[in-house]
């Protein structure tokens, strides 16, 4: 794997140094940290790194910079390096800039300045993990493609073997019987005599031929005569699934038969030829081929079922947060976009709740990261228990933040759900010794509600819920704030 580089962009060198220092503390020497003092410098640096074969999993950029702003820089980065994840720092709540970055630059997340070290740490680690997960999914998809190609090769090989078998059977010696223009027997070769279980005759007379001809089985003779008569009329005819009962009656041979006219130099029919062959081996080969085809078909079905199972598992993993097992940010973005279009189509309300665990950094510092992870898992389960409708979705939005999408839910209903969430969190009774609002874990909630429209973007719902969450924290935390958006 090539060396991986994280690029930090800001017009203030002190902020860049601070960013680099904190990232080094989090990531150690696993990633190279490069700095750029503006958008143009960052693009030149990115191009140079790509030419030298470096991977750039993450770019962290300030929004307000002289010249090129952060949202424009990240848009150009996304065009040139679509796999790179983008994080924007902003000292202002600039909705337009954030919206542009989300819409055109596939913004992973924005962080308010000055940032909290723990928030920056969790966000960067999650972004790196998502980049690694995306790379793993791409590698597994490539392996699945390789398996599909091998499967296609097996099927092609089956068809080639079948064609070679047919060519081999076509080249086998056949029995030949010839009659003249009057339908009288004229010639029979050695292979025909063997098939008829006769003693090989080198000097066959007309009487011998007639005798052999008429000794053919009752079922076989009329068909032979019919094919020869068609050949004498200038037609080509075939018959299969026929049988010859040999003279002593101890063996029945499956036969394939075909007839064709023989022309003289004037283009007139002089003879008719009937060619036939023992297709016992051909029948056996058909049976083997049929059995092999069934076996291969079963293997293909098993392989296909296994591939489908792997695909389902990959899809499930790609939409779940690894720690809390609720939907991840990618699934949140997909669901919000889908529900926005669906609610706009039927003119129903759509609500969003953003939840933030109060003083979670203090909790982590006091109880440790392992207990912090357990706390987030319990909070995620509590939020999930508060949701009542199948279409409702809880997702981990980032760090200690969770988001709840409520389709076909007005503001009053969203407030009811938010109240249920607070009650479920309260029932957890998770001690929090360093909280300023309670002795136990609490959450702050920001709610936004709108009737979606095709003229608007879902980003407005996120932005208003984020504002409401900010007000809830500002007013003392452990509460919910509601904002209804007029469309």
Protein backbone atom coordinates (compact mmCIF):
# COMPACT_ATOMS: atom_id res chain seq x y z
CA UNK A 1 0.00 0.00 0.00
CA UNK A 2 1.35 3.45 -0.90
CA UNK A 3 2.13 6.06 1.75
CA UNK A 4 -1.00 7.91 2.87
CA UNK A 5 -1.11 11.69 3.34
CA UNK A 6 -3.59 13.97 5.13
CA UNK A 7 -3.69 17.57 3.88
CA UNK A 8 -4.60 20.49 6.21
CA UNK A 9 -5.53 23.84 4.61
CA UNK A 10 -5.79 27.19 6.45
CA UNK A 11 -4.51 30.72 5.86
CA UNK A 12 -3.28 30.96 9.46
CA UNK A 13 -0.01 29.09 10.03
CA UNK A 14 -0.65 28.82 13.79
CA UNK A 15 -3.88 26.92 13.16
CA UNK A 16 -2.12 24.63 10.68
CA UNK A 17 0.59 23.83 13.22
CA UNK A 18 -2.02 23.17 15.89
CA UNK A 19 -3.93 20.88 13.52
CA UNK A 20 -0.78 19.00 12.58
CA UNK A 21 0.19 18.55 16.23
CA UNK A 22 -3.24 17.16 17.22
CA UNK A 23 -3.37 14.85 14.18
CA UNK A 24 0.12 13.54 14.98
CA UNK A 25 -1.02 12.76 18.53
CA UNK A 26 -4.03 10.85 17.18
CA UNK A 27 -2.50 9.08 14.18
CA UNK A 28 1.16 8.77 15.14
CA UNK A 29 3.45 8.06 12.20
CA UNK A 30 0.93 6.03 10.19
CA UNK A 31 0.01 9.07 8.11
CA UNK A 32 2.06 11.93 6.68
CA UNK A 33 0.59 15.37 7.49
CA UNK A 34 1.04 18.04 4.79
CA UNK A 35 0.09 21.73 5.18
CA UNK A 36 -1.20 24.27 2.65
CA UNK A 37 -1.84 27.99 3.32
CA UNK A 38 -4.58 28.40 0.72
CA UNK A 39 -6.81 26.70 -1.83
CA UNK A 40 -4.42 27.12 -4.75
CA UNK A 41 -1.50 25.72 -2.72
CA UNK A 42 -3.66 22.76 -1.66
CA UNK A 43 -4.61 21.87 -5.25
CA UNK A 44 -0.96 22.04 -6.37
CA UNK A 45 0.04 19.87 -3.39
CA UNK A 46 -2.69 17.32 -4.16
CA UNK A 47 -1.66 17.09 -7.82
CA UNK A 48 1.99 16.65 -6.85
CA UNK A 49 1.19 13.91 -4.33
CA UNK A 50 -0.98 12.04 -6.85
CA UNK A 51 1.78 12.17 -9.46
CA UNK A 52 4.18 10.68 -6.92
CA UNK A 53 1.76 7.84 -6.15
CA UNK A 54 0.59 8.95 -2.71
CA UNK A 55 -2.91 8.26 -1.41
CA UNK A 56 -4.81 11.21 0.11
CA UNK A 57 -7.62 9.75 2.25
CA UNK A 58 -8.57 13.04 3.98
CA UNK A 59 -8.43 16.83 3.47
CA UNK A 60 -9.29 19.23 6.33
CA UNK A 61 -9.90 22.77 5.07
CA UNK A 62 -10.90 26.08 6.59
CA UNK A 63 -13.94 27.71 4.95
CA UNK A 64 -13.12 31.43 5.05
CA UNK A 65 -9.74 32.02 3.35
CA UNK A 66 -8.39 34.74 1.05
CA UNK A 67 -8.90 33.89 -2.60
CA UNK A 68 -10.47 30.46 -2.96
CA UNK A 69 -12.95 29.57 -0.20
CA UNK A 70 -13.09 26.18 1.44
CA UNK A 71 -16.28 24.98 -0.29
CA UNK A 72 -14.83 25.72 -3.76
CA UNK A 73 -11.54 24.01 -2.86
CA UNK A 74 -13.32 20.89 -1.63
CA UNK A 75 -15.49 20.83 -4.77
CA UNK A 76 -12.35 20.80 -6.96
CA UNK A 77 -10.73 18.19 -4.70
CA UNK A 78 -13.81 15.97 -5.10
CA UNK A 79 -13.58 16.30 -8.90
CA UNK A 80 -9.88 15.36 -8.98
CA UNK A 81 -9.86 12.80 -6.15
CA UNK A 82 -13.41 11.47 -5.58
CA UNK A 83 -12.29 8.90 -2.98
CA UNK A 84 -10.77 11.57 -0.72
CA UNK A 85 -13.01 12.47 2.25
CA UNK A 86 -13.52 16.18 2.97
CA UNK A 87 -13.90 17.92 6.35
CA UNK A 88 -14.51 21.69 6.54
CA UNK A 89 -13.60 23.94 9.46
CA UNK A 90 -15.67 27.08 9.91
CA UNK A 91 -15.70 29.82 12.47
CA UNK A 92 -19.09 31.00 11.20
CA UNK A 93 -22.41 29.19 10.76
CA UNK A 94 -22.33 29.80 6.99
CA UNK A 95 -25.24 27.71 5.75
CA UNK A 96 -24.57 28.48 2.07
CA UNK A 97 -20.94 27.40 2.27
CA UNK A 98 -21.80 24.21 4.14
CA UNK A 99 -24.65 23.47 1.74
CA UNK A 100 -22.36 23.94 -1.28
CA UNK A 101 -19.75 21.64 0.25
CA UNK A 102 -22.36 18.97 0.97
CA UNK A 103 -23.91 19.26 -2.48
CA UNK A 104 -20.81 19.58 -4.68
CA UNK A 105 -17.89 18.26 -2.64
CA UNK A 106 -19.41 15.22 -0.89
CA UNK A 107 -18.63 16.88 2.45
CA UNK A 108 -18.05 14.25 5.14
CA UNK A 109 -18.54 16.67 8.03
CA UNK A 110 -17.93 20.25 9.12
CA UNK A 111 -16.42 21.22 12.48
CA UNK A 112 -16.95 24.57 14.17
CA UNK A 113 -13.89 26.65 15.08
CA UNK A 114 -12.45 26.67 17.62
CA UNK A 115 -12.80 22.90 17.60
CA UNK A 116 -12.89 20.54 20.52
CA UNK A 117 -9.90 18.17 20.44
CA UNK A 118 -12.00 15.11 21.21
CA UNK A 119 -14.51 15.98 18.48
CA UNK A 120 -11.67 16.47 15.98
CA UNK A 121 -10.09 13.21 17.06
CA UNK A 122 -13.29 11.16 16.75
CA UNK A 123 -14.18 12.76 13.42
CA UNK A 124 -10.73 12.12 11.88
CA UNK A 125 -10.60 8.53 13.14
CA UNK A 126 -14.10 7.85 11.77
CA UNK A 127 -13.19 9.43 8.43
CA UNK A 128 -10.02 7.32 8.15
CA UNK A 129 -11.96 4.17 9.09
CA UNK A 130 -14.61 4.97 6.49
CA UNK A 131 -11.90 5.48 3.84
CA UNK A 132 -10.33 2.13 4.76
CA UNK A 133 -13.76 0.44 4.71
CA UNK A 134 -14.51 1.92 1.26
CA UNK A 135 -11.17 0.58 -0.01
CA UNK A 136 -11.91 -2.88 1.45
CA UNK A 137 -15.35 -2.91 -0.19
CA UNK A 138 -13.78 -1.95 -3.52
CA UNK A 139 -11.25 -4.80 -3.18
CA UNK A 140 -14.00 -7.30 -2.31
CA UNK A 141 -16.07 -6.13 -5.27
CA UNK A 142 -13.02 -6.69 -7.49
CA UNK A 143 -12.67 -10.22 -6.10
CA UNK A 144 -16.37 -10.87 -6.73
CA UNK A 145 -15.89 -9.68 -10.31
CA UNK A 146 -12.96 -12.07 -10.65
CA UNK A 147 -15.11 -14.94 -9.36
CA UNK A 148 -17.84 -14.03 -11.85
CA UNK A 149 -15.28 -14.07 -14.67
CA UNK A 150 -14.02 -17.50 -13.57
CA UNK A 151 -17.59 -18.72 -13.50
CA UNK A 152 -18.09 -17.46 -17.06
CA UNK A 153 -14.90 -19.29 -18.09
CA UNK A 154 -16.25 -22.54 -16.62
CA UNK A 155 -19.48 -22.18 -18.60
CA UNK A 156 -17.50 -21.41 -21.78
CA UNK A 157 -15.30 -24.44 -21.19
CA UNK A 158 -18.42 -26.60 -20.87
CA UNK A 159 -19.66 -25.39 -24.25
CA UNK A 160 -16.24 -25.98 -25.86
CA UNK A 161 -16.08 -29.53 -24.48
CA UNK A 162 -19.56 -30.19 -25.83
CA UNK A 163 -18.53 -29.00 -29.32
CA UNK A 164 -15.37 -31.15 -29.27
CA UNK A 165 -17.45 -34.17 -28.29
CA UNK A 166 -19.83 -33.55 -31.19
CA UNK A 167 -16.90 -33.27 -33.62
CA UNK A 168 -15.45 -36.52 -32.33
CA UNK A 169 -18.78 -38.36 -32.76
CA UNK A 170 -19.25 -36.91 -36.23
CA UNK A 171 -15.83 -38.31 -37.29
CA UNK A 172 -16.58 -41.88 -36.24
CA UNK A 173 -16.92 -44.52 -39.04
CA UNK A 174 -20.56 -45.07 -40.10
CA UNK A 175 -22.52 -47.77 -41.83
CA UNK A 176 -23.44 -47.09 -45.47
CA UNK A 177 -26.23 -48.64 -47.57
CA UNK A 178 -26.87 -47.65 -51.21
CA UNK A 179 -29.88 -48.35 -53.40
CA UNK A 180 -30.28 -47.68 -57.12
CA UNK A 181 -32.87 -45.57 -58.88
CA UNK A 182 -35.42 -48.42 -58.62
CA UNK A 183 -34.89 -48.81 -54.88
CA UNK A 184 -33.00 -52.07 -55.23
CA UNK A 185 -30.07 -52.69 -52.81
CA UNK A 186 -26.76 -51.83 -54.48
CA UNK A 187 -24.00 -51.64 -51.83
CA UNK A 188 -23.36 -52.16 -48.10
CA UNK A 189 -20.05 -51.46 -46.35
CA UNK A 190 -18.28 -53.40 -43.61
CA UNK A 191 -19.42 -51.17 -40.78
CA UNK A 192 -23.03 -51.58 -41.86
CA UNK A 193 -22.60 -55.36 -41.84
CA UNK A 194 -21.05 -55.22 -38.35
CA UNK A 195 -23.96 -53.16 -37.08
CA UNK A 196 -26.38 -55.70 -38.58
CA UNK A 197 -24.39 -58.49 -36.87
CA UNK A 198 -23.71 -60.27 -40.14
CA UNK A 199 -20.65 -62.23 -41.23
CA UNK A 200 -18.47 -59.88 -43.30
CA UNK A 201 -18.94 -60.61 -47.00
CA UNK A 202 -16.41 -59.40 -49.56
CA UNK A 203 -18.44 -60.44 -52.64
CA UNK A 204 -22.05 -59.54 -51.95
CA UNK A 205 -24.68 -60.47 -54.55
CA UNK A 206 -28.03 -58.82 -55.06
CA UNK A 207 -29.76 -61.70 -53.26
CA UNK A 208 -27.42 -61.28 -50.27
CA UNK A 209 -28.13 -57.56 -50.14
CA UNK A 210 -31.88 -58.12 -50.39
CA UNK A 211 -31.70 -60.69 -47.62
CA UNK A 212 -29.72 -58.38 -45.33
CA UNK A 213 -31.97 -55.46 -46.19
CA UNK A 214 -35.13 -57.37 -45.36
CA UNK A 215 -33.72 -58.89 -42.17
CA UNK A 216 -33.62 -55.52 -40.49
CA UNK A 217 -35.98 -55.25 -37.60
CA UNK A 218 -39.67 -54.66 -38.16
CA UNK A 219 -39.41 -51.21 -36.52
CA UNK A 220 -36.30 -50.16 -38.39
CA UNK A 221 -37.00 -51.28 -41.99
CA UNK A 222 -40.01 -49.02 -42.83
CA UNK A 223 -38.13 -45.94 -41.62
CA UNK A 224 -35.04 -46.84 -43.70
CA UNK A 225 -37.16 -47.40 -46.78
CA UNK A 226 -38.97 -44.10 -46.24
CA UNK A 227 -35.71 -42.14 -45.92
CA UNK A 228 -34.26 -43.80 -49.04
CA UNK A 229 -37.41 -43.05 -51.05
CA UNK A 230 -37.18 -39.39 -50.01
CA UNK A 231 -33.54 -39.33 -51.10
CA UNK A 232 -34.52 -40.77 -54.51
CA UNK A 233 -36.94 -37.83 -54.84
CA UNK A 234 -34.07 -35.41 -54.21
CA UNK A 235 -34.76 -34.81 -50.52
CA UNK A 236 -32.40 -35.09 -47.57
CA UNK A 237 -33.90 -36.80 -44.52
CA UNK A 238 -32.73 -37.87 -41.06
CA UNK A 239 -34.01 -39.97 -38.18
CA UNK A 240 -32.66 -40.65 -34.73
CA UNK A 241 -33.66 -42.62 -31.65
CA UNK A 242 -33.93 -45.74 -33.83
CA UNK A 243 -32.89 -49.24 -32.81
CA UNK A 244 -31.49 -52.30 -34.56
CA UNK A 245 -32.25 -55.66 -33.02
CA UNK A 246 -29.31 -57.84 -34.08
CA UNK A 247 -29.88 -61.27 -35.60
CA UNK A 248 -29.52 -63.36 -32.45
CA UNK A 249 -31.71 -60.89 -30.53
CA UNK A 250 -29.30 -60.51 -27.62
CA UNK A 251 -28.42 -56.89 -28.36
CA UNK A 252 -30.35 -53.76 -29.35
CA UNK A 253 -28.26 -50.92 -30.80
CA UNK A 254 -29.42 -47.28 -30.89
CA UNK A 255 -28.97 -45.92 -34.41
CA UNK A 256 -28.84 -42.51 -36.06
CA UNK A 257 -29.79 -42.54 -39.75
CA UNK A 258 -29.71 -40.02 -42.59
CA UNK A 259 -30.28 -40.26 -46.33
CA UNK A 260 -29.26 -38.15 -49.32
CA UNK A 261 -29.41 -38.44 -53.13
CA UNK A 262 -26.36 -39.16 -55.31
CA UNK A 263 -26.26 -37.35 -58.66
CA UNK A 264 -24.52 -38.29 -61.92
CA UNK A 265 -22.57 -35.92 -64.14
CA UNK A 266 -25.81 -34.71 -65.78
CA UNK A 267 -27.26 -33.70 -62.43
CA UNK A 268 -29.73 -36.59 -62.45
CA UNK A 269 -30.40 -38.81 -59.42
CA UNK A 270 -28.72 -42.19 -59.85
CA UNK A 271 -28.64 -43.58 -56.32
CA UNK A 272 -29.73 -42.90 -52.79
CA UNK A 273 -27.41 -43.42 -49.83
CA UNK A 274 -28.43 -44.20 -46.27
CA UNK A 275 -25.75 -43.68 -43.65
CA UNK A 276 -26.21 -44.90 -40.12
CA UNK A 277 -24.06 -45.27 -37.07
CA UNK A 278 -24.10 -46.87 -33.67
CA UNK A 279 -24.74 -43.97 -31.26
CA UNK A 280 -24.39 -46.03 -28.09
CA UNK A 281 -21.29 -44.06 -27.10
CA UNK A 282 -23.01 -40.85 -28.16
CA UNK A 283 -25.98 -41.67 -25.91
CA UNK A 284 -23.63 -42.48 -23.06
CA UNK A 285 -21.75 -39.24 -23.70
CA UNK A 286 -25.05 -37.33 -23.74
CA UNK A 287 -25.91 -38.88 -20.40
CA UNK A 288 -22.49 -37.95 -18.99
CA UNK A 289 -22.82 -34.47 -20.45
CA UNK A 290 -26.31 -34.11 -19.01
CA UNK A 291 -25.11 -35.28 -15.59
CA UNK A 292 -22.10 -32.96 -15.82
CA UNK A 293 -24.31 -30.06 -16.87
CA UNK A 294 -26.62 -30.69 -13.91
CA UNK A 295 -23.63 -30.87 -11.56
CA UNK A 296 -22.15 -27.68 -12.99
CA UNK A 297 -25.54 -25.97 -12.82
CA UNK A 298 -25.82 -26.90 -9.15
CA UNK A 299 -22.30 -25.57 -8.54
CA UNK A 300 -23.15 -22.34 -10.36
CA UNK A 301 -26.34 -21.97 -8.31
CA UNK A 302 -24.42 -22.58 -5.07
CA UNK A 303 -21.70 -20.12 -6.11
CA UNK A 304 -24.32 -17.55 -7.12
CA UNK A 305 -26.14 -17.96 -3.80
CA UNK A 306 -22.84 -17.55 -1.94
CA UNK A 307 -22.00 -14.41 -3.95
CA UNK A 308 -25.47 -12.98 -3.27
CA UNK A 309 -25.01 -13.66 0.45
CA UNK A 310 -21.61 -11.93 0.40
CA UNK A 311 -23.12 -8.97 -1.47
CA UNK A 312 -25.93 -8.69 1.09
CA UNK A 313 -23.44 -8.81 3.95
CA UNK A 314 -21.24 -6.17 2.31
CA UNK A 315 -24.27 -3.96 1.73
CA UNK A 316 -25.31 -4.39 5.37
CA UNK A 317 -21.82 -3.59 6.66
CA UNK A 318 -21.58 -0.58 4.34
CA UNK A 319 -24.68 1.00 5.93
CA UNK A 320 -24.07 0.25 9.63
CA UNK A 321 -21.96 2.07 12.19
CA UNK A 322 -19.42 -0.42 13.48
CA UNK A 323 -19.65 0.62 17.13
CA UNK A 324 -23.35 1.23 17.73
CA UNK A 325 -24.84 -1.03 15.01
CA UNK A 326 -27.31 1.68 13.99
CA UNK A 327 -27.24 3.27 10.52
CA UNK A 328 -24.03 5.10 9.63
CA UNK A 329 -23.61 8.54 8.07
CA UNK A 330 -23.72 7.13 4.52
CA UNK A 331 -27.05 5.39 5.19
CA UNK A 332 -28.37 8.58 6.84
CA UNK A 333 -27.56 10.62 3.72
CA UNK A 334 -29.23 8.04 1.45
CA UNK A 335 -32.36 7.77 3.63
CA UNK A 336 -32.77 11.53 4.05
CA UNK A 337 -32.52 12.05 0.28
CA UNK A 338 -35.04 9.25 -0.40
CA UNK A 339 -37.54 10.40 2.21
CA UNK A 340 -37.23 14.03 1.10
CA UNK A 341 -38.26 13.05 -2.46
CA UNK A 342 -40.99 10.71 -1.19
CA UNK A 343 -42.53 13.28 1.17
CA UNK A 344 -42.32 15.97 -1.55
CA UNK A 345 -44.23 13.66 -3.91
CA UNK A 346 -47.11 13.04 -1.48
CA UNK A 347 -46.89 16.45 0.31
CA UNK A 348 -46.37 15.00 3.81
CA UNK A 349 -44.17 16.53 6.56
CA UNK A 350 -40.64 15.34 7.29
CA UNK A 351 -38.96 15.85 10.67
CA UNK A 352 -35.34 15.50 11.79
CA UNK A 353 -33.94 15.23 15.31
CA UNK A 354 -30.24 15.80 16.01
CA UNK A 355 -29.14 14.45 19.41
CA UNK A 356 -25.88 15.16 21.24
CA UNK A 357 -24.73 13.43 24.45
CA UNK A 358 -24.11 16.21 27.00
CA UNK A 359 -20.51 16.71 28.13
CA UNK A 360 -19.39 13.48 26.47
CA UNK A 361 -15.74 14.56 26.28
CA UNK A 362 -15.72 14.92 30.06
CA UNK A 363 -17.33 11.48 30.30
CA UNK A 364 -14.63 9.95 28.12
CA UNK A 365 -11.86 11.71 30.05
CA UNK A 366 -13.26 10.54 33.40
CA UNK A 367 -14.43 6.99 32.64
CA UNK A 368 -12.17 6.08 29.71
CA UNK A 369 -12.80 5.43 26.03
CA UNK A 370 -13.91 1.82 26.52
CA UNK A 371 -16.69 2.92 28.86
CA UNK A 372 -17.41 5.80 26.47
CA UNK A 373 -17.97 3.30 23.64
CA UNK A 374 -20.32 1.29 25.87
CA UNK A 375 -22.21 4.49 26.73
CA UNK A 376 -22.71 5.33 23.02
CA UNK A 377 -24.00 1.79 22.38
CA UNK A 378 -26.56 2.12 25.19
CA UNK A 379 -27.64 5.57 23.97
CA UNK A 380 -28.11 4.24 20.41
CA UNK A 381 -30.27 1.36 21.68
CA UNK A 382 -32.32 3.74 23.83
CA UNK A 383 -33.02 6.03 20.86
CA UNK A 384 -33.98 3.03 18.76
CA UNK A 385 -36.48 1.87 21.41
CA UNK A 386 -38.18 5.27 21.29
CA UNK A 387 -38.99 4.95 17.58
CA UNK A 388 -42.38 3.39 16.80
CA UNK A 389 -42.79 3.47 13.01
CA UNK A 390 -40.98 1.12 10.61
CA UNK A 391 -39.92 4.02 8.35
CA UNK A 392 -38.23 5.93 11.23
CA UNK A 393 -34.40 5.74 11.15
CA UNK A 394 -31.74 6.36 13.79
CA UNK A 395 -28.18 6.94 12.59
CA UNK A 396 -24.88 7.83 14.15
CA UNK A 397 -24.20 11.30 12.78
CA UNK A 398 -20.66 11.66 14.10
CA UNK A 399 -18.84 11.21 17.42
CA UNK A 400 -21.45 11.43 20.17
CA UNK A 401 -24.10 12.83 17.80
CA UNK A 402 -27.09 10.85 16.58
CA UNK A 403 -29.74 11.74 14.01
CA UNK A 404 -33.36 10.54 13.76
CA UNK A 405 -35.31 10.77 10.47
CA UNK A 406 -39.11 10.82 10.94
CA UNK A 407 -41.05 10.56 7.64
CA UNK A 408 -44.70 11.65 7.64
CA UNK A 409 -44.26 13.20 11.08
CA UNK A 410 -45.33 16.80 11.92
CA UNK A 411 -43.66 18.96 14.55
CA UNK A 412 -45.89 17.76 17.39
CA UNK A 413 -45.13 14.14 16.59
CA UNK A 414 -41.40 14.88 16.43
CA UNK A 415 -41.57 16.53 19.85
CA UNK A 416 -43.33 13.44 21.22
CA UNK A 417 -40.59 11.20 19.83
CA UNK A 418 -37.90 13.51 21.25
CA UNK A 419 -39.58 13.35 24.67
CA UNK A 420 -39.66 9.53 24.47
CA UNK A 421 -35.96 9.54 23.59
CA UNK A 422 -35.15 11.67 26.67
CA UNK A 423 -37.21 9.29 28.81
CA UNK A 424 -35.39 6.25 27.44
CA UNK A 425 -32.02 7.93 28.07
CA UNK A 426 -33.11 8.79 31.62
CA UNK A 427 -34.03 5.13 32.26
CA UNK A 428 -30.47 4.10 31.42
CA UNK A 429 -29.25 5.70 34.68
CA UNK A 430 -25.67 5.88 33.38
CA UNK A 431 -23.66 7.85 35.97
CA UNK A 432 -21.88 11.02 34.75
CA UNK A 433 -19.83 12.56 37.58
CA UNK A 434 -18.56 15.50 35.51
CA UNK A 435 -21.85 16.72 34.00
CA UNK A 436 -23.02 20.23 34.86
CA UNK A 437 -26.70 19.35 34.39
CA UNK A 438 -27.19 15.93 36.00
CA UNK A 439 -25.50 13.10 37.82
CA UNK A 440 -26.43 10.85 34.92
CA UNK A 441 -26.02 10.85 31.15
CA UNK A 442 -28.38 13.32 29.40
CA UNK A 443 -28.81 14.51 25.85
CA UNK A 444 -29.68 17.73 24.06
CA UNK A 445 -31.97 17.59 21.05
CA UNK A 446 -32.61 19.91 18.11
CA UNK A 447 -35.75 19.33 16.02
CA UNK A 448 -36.65 20.68 12.58
CA UNK A 449 -39.81 20.02 10.55
CA UNK A 450 -40.73 20.92 6.97
CA UNK A 451 -43.00 19.97 4.10
CA UNK A 452 -40.31 18.98 1.55
CA UNK A 453 -40.28 20.52 -1.91
CA UNK A 454 -38.36 19.69 -5.06
CA UNK A 455 -37.25 23.33 -5.11
CA UNK A 456 -35.47 22.95 -1.75
CA UNK A 457 -32.62 20.79 -0.53
CA UNK A 458 -32.64 18.47 2.53
CA UNK A 459 -29.63 20.46 3.71
CA UNK A 460 -31.99 23.11 5.07
CA UNK A 461 -33.56 20.49 7.38
CA UNK A 462 -30.10 19.53 8.70
CA UNK A 463 -29.04 23.14 9.14
CA UNK A 464 -32.17 24.11 11.10
CA UNK A 465 -31.97 21.04 13.33
CA UNK A 466 -28.32 21.89 13.98
CA UNK A 467 -29.31 25.45 14.93
CA UNK A 468 -31.97 24.09 17.29
CA UNK A 469 -29.41 21.74 18.86
CA UNK A 470 -27.01 24.64 19.30
CA UNK A 471 -29.74 26.65 21.10
CA UNK A 472 -30.55 23.67 23.33
CA UNK A 473 -26.90 23.51 24.40
CA UNK A 474 -26.72 27.27 24.84
CA UNK A 475 -29.81 27.27 27.09
CA UNK A 476 -28.26 24.77 29.46
CA UNK A 477 -28.42 21.34 27.71
CA UNK A 478 -30.62 18.37 28.73
CA UNK A 479 -33.53 19.79 26.72
CA UNK A 480 -35.09 19.92 23.27
CA UNK A 481 -35.59 22.89 20.95
CA UNK A 482 -38.01 22.84 18.01
CA UNK A 483 -37.80 24.76 14.71
CA UNK A 484 -40.56 24.58 12.08
CA UNK A 485 -39.41 25.59 8.60
CA UNK A 486 -41.86 27.37 6.32
CA UNK A 487 -41.64 25.98 2.77
